[in-house]
């Protein structure tokens, strides 16, 4: 397995979530390519951690569909299945739409300000050509209504589908369709400021509906 470029040395007391994030991000940006074999020891050396958190991270990545694990044999980066991607996108769109509808009447000025700031950061990331920063800003924007929805199961369920969408998001935020996201977010904000939950939900659903894999893009 070719070792990905070093994105920062990790402390040995690193939380397993950070190990998971690092390996996931290497898959998302293509440093770890589809079909590439993953070895615990090499990944641990790269991240500066023992094999235990690496194995835990690979198990989570396998559950998310980003890694294909064959017990007793090899672990590889999974290919993207367009059908699975479409199913995950549909579920994510509906869950984020549900959060927007539920949160609409209870969002405070502080909530809206945080969403507005996240959208500004998204625009800055797009202008700088930084898809990973764009993904983080997009997450920050949509996480506000998720947290304010009053239904903690929305976030839990999103965790099962959003990892699979990351590679599509990485491509998306480098395209014309991705460049439209800040404007779509502004429309969502307008609906939320008006406490129009149904419109906010519909706009949120449309926003996620534009997420495509590279071969599916116009």
Protein backbone atom coordinates (compact mmCIF):
# COMPACT_ATOMS: atom_id res chain seq x y z
CA UNK A 1 0.00 0.00 0.00
CA UNK A 2 1.54 3.34 -0.97
CA UNK A 3 1.58 5.59 2.09
CA UNK A 4 -0.52 8.76 1.55
CA UNK A 5 1.07 12.19 1.95
CA UNK A 6 1.48 13.12 5.60
CA UNK A 7 -1.30 15.54 6.60
CA UNK A 8 -0.08 15.93 10.16
CA UNK A 9 1.54 13.71 12.77
CA UNK A 10 -0.90 12.23 15.24
CA UNK A 11 -0.25 11.84 18.95
CA UNK A 12 -0.21 8.32 20.34
CA UNK A 13 -3.14 9.15 22.60
CA UNK A 14 -5.21 9.98 19.52
CA UNK A 15 -8.91 9.23 19.79
CA UNK A 16 -10.15 6.51 17.48
CA UNK A 17 -12.52 9.02 15.88
CA UNK A 18 -9.53 11.03 14.67
CA UNK A 19 -7.91 7.92 13.21
CA UNK A 20 -11.18 7.15 11.46
CA UNK A 21 -11.39 10.70 10.10
CA UNK A 22 -7.82 10.59 8.79
CA UNK A 23 -8.25 7.30 6.92
CA UNK A 24 -11.69 8.32 5.65
CA UNK A 25 -10.33 11.62 4.32
CA UNK A 26 -7.45 9.82 2.56
CA UNK A 27 -10.07 7.66 0.82
CA UNK A 28 -12.22 10.67 -0.03
CA UNK A 29 -9.44 12.66 -1.72
CA UNK A 30 -8.04 9.61 -3.49
CA UNK A 31 -4.77 9.29 -1.57
CA UNK A 32 -6.06 5.79 -0.89
CA UNK A 33 -7.57 4.73 -4.20
CA UNK A 34 -10.37 2.23 -4.89
CA UNK A 35 -8.99 -1.31 -4.87
CA UNK A 36 -5.92 -0.38 -2.87
CA UNK A 37 -4.94 -2.82 -0.15
CA UNK A 38 -4.89 -1.47 3.40
CA UNK A 39 -2.49 -2.84 6.00
CA UNK A 40 -2.90 -2.12 9.71
CA UNK A 41 0.80 -1.71 10.34
CA UNK A 42 1.41 0.72 7.48
CA UNK A 43 -1.59 2.84 8.42
CA UNK A 44 -0.51 2.84 12.06
CA UNK A 45 2.99 3.94 11.08
CA UNK A 46 1.57 6.73 8.91
CA UNK A 47 -0.68 8.01 11.70
CA UNK A 48 1.71 7.34 14.57
CA UNK A 49 -0.69 5.05 16.43
CA UNK A 50 -0.96 1.38 17.35
CA UNK A 51 -2.85 -1.13 15.25
CA UNK A 52 -5.85 -1.22 17.60
CA UNK A 53 -7.40 2.18 16.69
CA UNK A 54 -6.57 1.51 13.03
CA UNK A 55 -8.49 -1.78 13.13
CA UNK A 56 -11.42 -0.07 14.84
CA UNK A 57 -11.40 2.65 12.18
CA UNK A 58 -11.27 0.10 9.35
CA UNK A 59 -14.22 -1.75 10.86
CA UNK A 60 -16.24 1.48 10.93
CA UNK A 61 -15.19 2.28 7.38
CA UNK A 62 -16.29 -1.18 6.28
CA UNK A 63 -19.67 -0.64 7.92
CA UNK A 64 -19.90 2.69 6.07
CA UNK A 65 -19.13 0.98 2.77
CA UNK A 66 -15.83 2.80 2.14
CA UNK A 67 -13.68 -0.25 2.84
CA UNK A 68 -14.14 -3.85 1.77
CA UNK A 69 -12.96 -6.25 4.43
CA UNK A 70 -12.40 -9.95 3.76
CA UNK A 71 -11.77 -11.63 7.15
CA UNK A 72 -8.49 -13.50 7.21
CA UNK A 73 -7.50 -12.16 3.82
CA UNK A 74 -7.23 -8.54 2.67
CA UNK A 75 -8.82 -5.18 3.35
CA UNK A 76 -9.19 -2.85 0.39
CA UNK A 77 -10.63 0.55 -0.43
CA UNK A 78 -14.09 -0.10 -1.84
CA UNK A 79 -15.23 0.96 -5.26
CA UNK A 80 -18.16 3.39 -5.30
CA UNK A 81 -21.44 1.67 -6.15
CA UNK A 82 -23.64 4.27 -7.93
CA UNK A 83 -26.83 2.57 -6.72
CA UNK A 84 -25.71 2.58 -3.09
CA UNK A 85 -24.58 6.19 -3.49
CA UNK A 86 -28.04 7.16 -4.80
CA UNK A 87 -29.74 5.39 -1.90
CA UNK A 88 -27.52 7.14 0.65
CA UNK A 89 -28.12 10.50 -1.01
CA UNK A 90 -31.89 9.99 -0.88
CA UNK A 91 -31.83 9.10 2.81
CA UNK A 92 -29.52 11.99 3.69
CA UNK A 93 -31.68 14.45 1.75
CA UNK A 94 -34.81 13.34 3.58
CA UNK A 95 -33.16 13.41 7.00
CA UNK A 96 -31.69 16.89 6.51
CA UNK A 97 -35.05 18.07 5.15
CA UNK A 98 -36.80 16.65 8.22
CA UNK A 99 -34.34 18.49 10.47
CA UNK A 100 -34.94 21.77 8.64
CA UNK A 101 -38.71 21.41 8.92
CA UNK A 102 -38.63 20.52 12.61
CA UNK A 103 -36.13 23.25 13.52
CA UNK A 104 -37.70 26.09 11.52
CA UNK A 105 -39.86 27.57 14.26
CA UNK A 106 -37.31 27.22 17.05
CA UNK A 107 -34.14 28.60 15.48
CA UNK A 108 -32.69 31.59 17.30
CA UNK A 109 -30.76 34.52 15.89
CA UNK A 110 -27.61 32.78 17.06
CA UNK A 111 -28.50 29.63 15.13
CA UNK A 112 -29.10 31.62 11.96
CA UNK A 113 -25.89 33.58 12.44
CA UNK A 114 -23.92 30.34 12.70
CA UNK A 115 -25.49 29.07 9.49
CA UNK A 116 -24.74 32.34 7.74
CA UNK A 117 -21.10 32.19 8.87
CA UNK A 118 -20.79 28.59 7.72
CA UNK A 119 -22.15 29.59 4.32
CA UNK A 120 -19.58 32.38 4.09
CA UNK A 121 -16.86 29.84 4.88
CA UNK A 122 -18.26 27.58 2.17
CA UNK A 123 -17.99 30.37 -0.38
CA UNK A 124 -14.43 31.11 0.73
CA UNK A 125 -13.49 27.43 0.39
CA UNK A 126 -14.99 27.27 -3.09
CA UNK A 127 -13.15 30.43 -4.12
CA UNK A 128 -9.91 28.91 -2.82
CA UNK A 129 -10.54 25.60 -4.60
CA UNK A 130 -10.48 23.63 -1.33
CA UNK A 131 -13.12 20.84 -1.51
CA UNK A 132 -12.34 19.44 1.95
CA UNK A 133 -12.85 22.85 3.56
CA UNK A 134 -16.05 23.18 1.53
CA UNK A 135 -17.31 19.84 2.87
CA UNK A 136 -16.55 20.96 6.43
CA UNK A 137 -18.38 24.27 5.93
CA UNK A 138 -21.35 22.52 4.32
CA UNK A 139 -21.50 20.13 7.28
CA UNK A 140 -21.41 23.08 9.68
CA UNK A 141 -24.30 24.74 7.86
CA UNK A 142 -26.62 21.73 7.87
CA UNK A 143 -25.63 20.53 11.34
CA UNK A 144 -27.31 23.55 12.95
CA UNK A 145 -30.91 22.53 12.13
CA UNK A 146 -30.01 18.89 12.82
CA UNK A 147 -28.92 19.81 16.36
CA UNK A 148 -31.90 22.14 16.81
CA UNK A 149 -34.47 19.68 15.46
CA UNK A 150 -35.16 18.12 18.84
CA UNK A 151 -34.75 14.63 17.39
CA UNK A 152 -31.32 13.16 18.25
CA UNK A 153 -31.95 10.12 16.05
CA UNK A 154 -31.60 12.27 12.93
CA UNK A 155 -27.89 12.78 13.60
CA UNK A 156 -27.47 9.12 14.51
CA UNK A 157 -29.03 7.95 11.28
CA UNK A 158 -27.06 10.44 9.20
CA UNK A 159 -23.86 8.87 10.52
CA UNK A 160 -24.77 5.65 8.70
CA UNK A 161 -25.06 7.23 5.24
CA UNK A 162 -22.97 10.42 5.06
CA UNK A 163 -19.54 8.69 5.02
CA UNK A 164 -20.48 6.97 1.76
CA UNK A 165 -21.34 10.33 0.20
CA UNK A 166 -17.98 11.96 0.97
CA UNK A 167 -16.24 11.02 -2.27
CA UNK A 168 -19.16 12.43 -4.22
CA UNK A 169 -19.08 15.61 -2.14
CA UNK A 170 -15.35 16.01 -2.77
CA UNK A 171 -16.00 15.97 -6.51
CA UNK A 172 -19.20 18.03 -6.21
CA UNK A 173 -17.53 21.03 -4.60
CA UNK A 174 -15.14 21.30 -7.50
CA UNK A 175 -17.92 21.61 -10.09
CA UNK A 176 -20.36 24.22 -11.33
CA UNK A 177 -23.16 22.42 -9.47
CA UNK A 178 -21.22 22.69 -6.22
CA UNK A 179 -20.58 26.38 -6.84
CA UNK A 180 -24.34 26.92 -6.65
CA UNK A 181 -24.55 25.64 -3.05
CA UNK A 182 -24.00 29.00 -1.28
CA UNK A 183 -26.91 30.50 -3.21
CA UNK A 184 -29.08 27.52 -2.38
CA UNK A 185 -28.11 27.89 1.26
CA UNK A 186 -29.17 31.54 1.17
CA UNK A 187 -32.63 30.44 0.03
CA UNK A 188 -32.78 27.90 2.86
CA UNK A 189 -31.82 30.63 5.32
CA UNK A 190 -34.53 32.92 4.00
CA UNK A 191 -37.13 30.19 4.55
CA UNK A 192 -35.82 29.50 8.06
CA UNK A 193 -35.85 33.21 8.96
CA UNK A 194 -39.51 33.21 7.92
CA UNK A 195 -40.11 30.06 10.01
CA UNK A 196 -41.35 28.35 6.83
CA UNK A 197 -40.45 24.78 7.63
CA UNK A 198 -42.02 23.20 4.56
CA UNK A 199 -40.15 25.48 2.16
CA UNK A 200 -36.89 25.04 4.09
CA UNK A 201 -37.32 21.27 3.90
CA UNK A 202 -38.02 21.32 0.15
CA UNK A 203 -35.02 23.56 -0.53
CA UNK A 204 -32.78 21.38 1.63
CA UNK A 205 -33.94 18.27 -0.22
CA UNK A 206 -33.17 19.91 -3.56
CA UNK A 207 -29.75 21.00 -2.31
CA UNK A 208 -28.74 17.42 -1.58
CA UNK A 209 -30.43 16.11 -4.72
CA UNK A 210 -27.75 17.80 -6.82
CA UNK A 211 -24.98 15.66 -5.34
CA UNK A 212 -23.52 13.48 -8.11
CA UNK A 213 -20.67 11.10 -8.76
CA UNK A 214 -18.07 12.24 -11.33
CA UNK A 215 -19.33 10.06 -14.17
CA UNK A 216 -22.91 11.28 -13.52
CA UNK A 217 -22.06 14.97 -13.75
CA UNK A 218 -23.09 17.07 -16.65
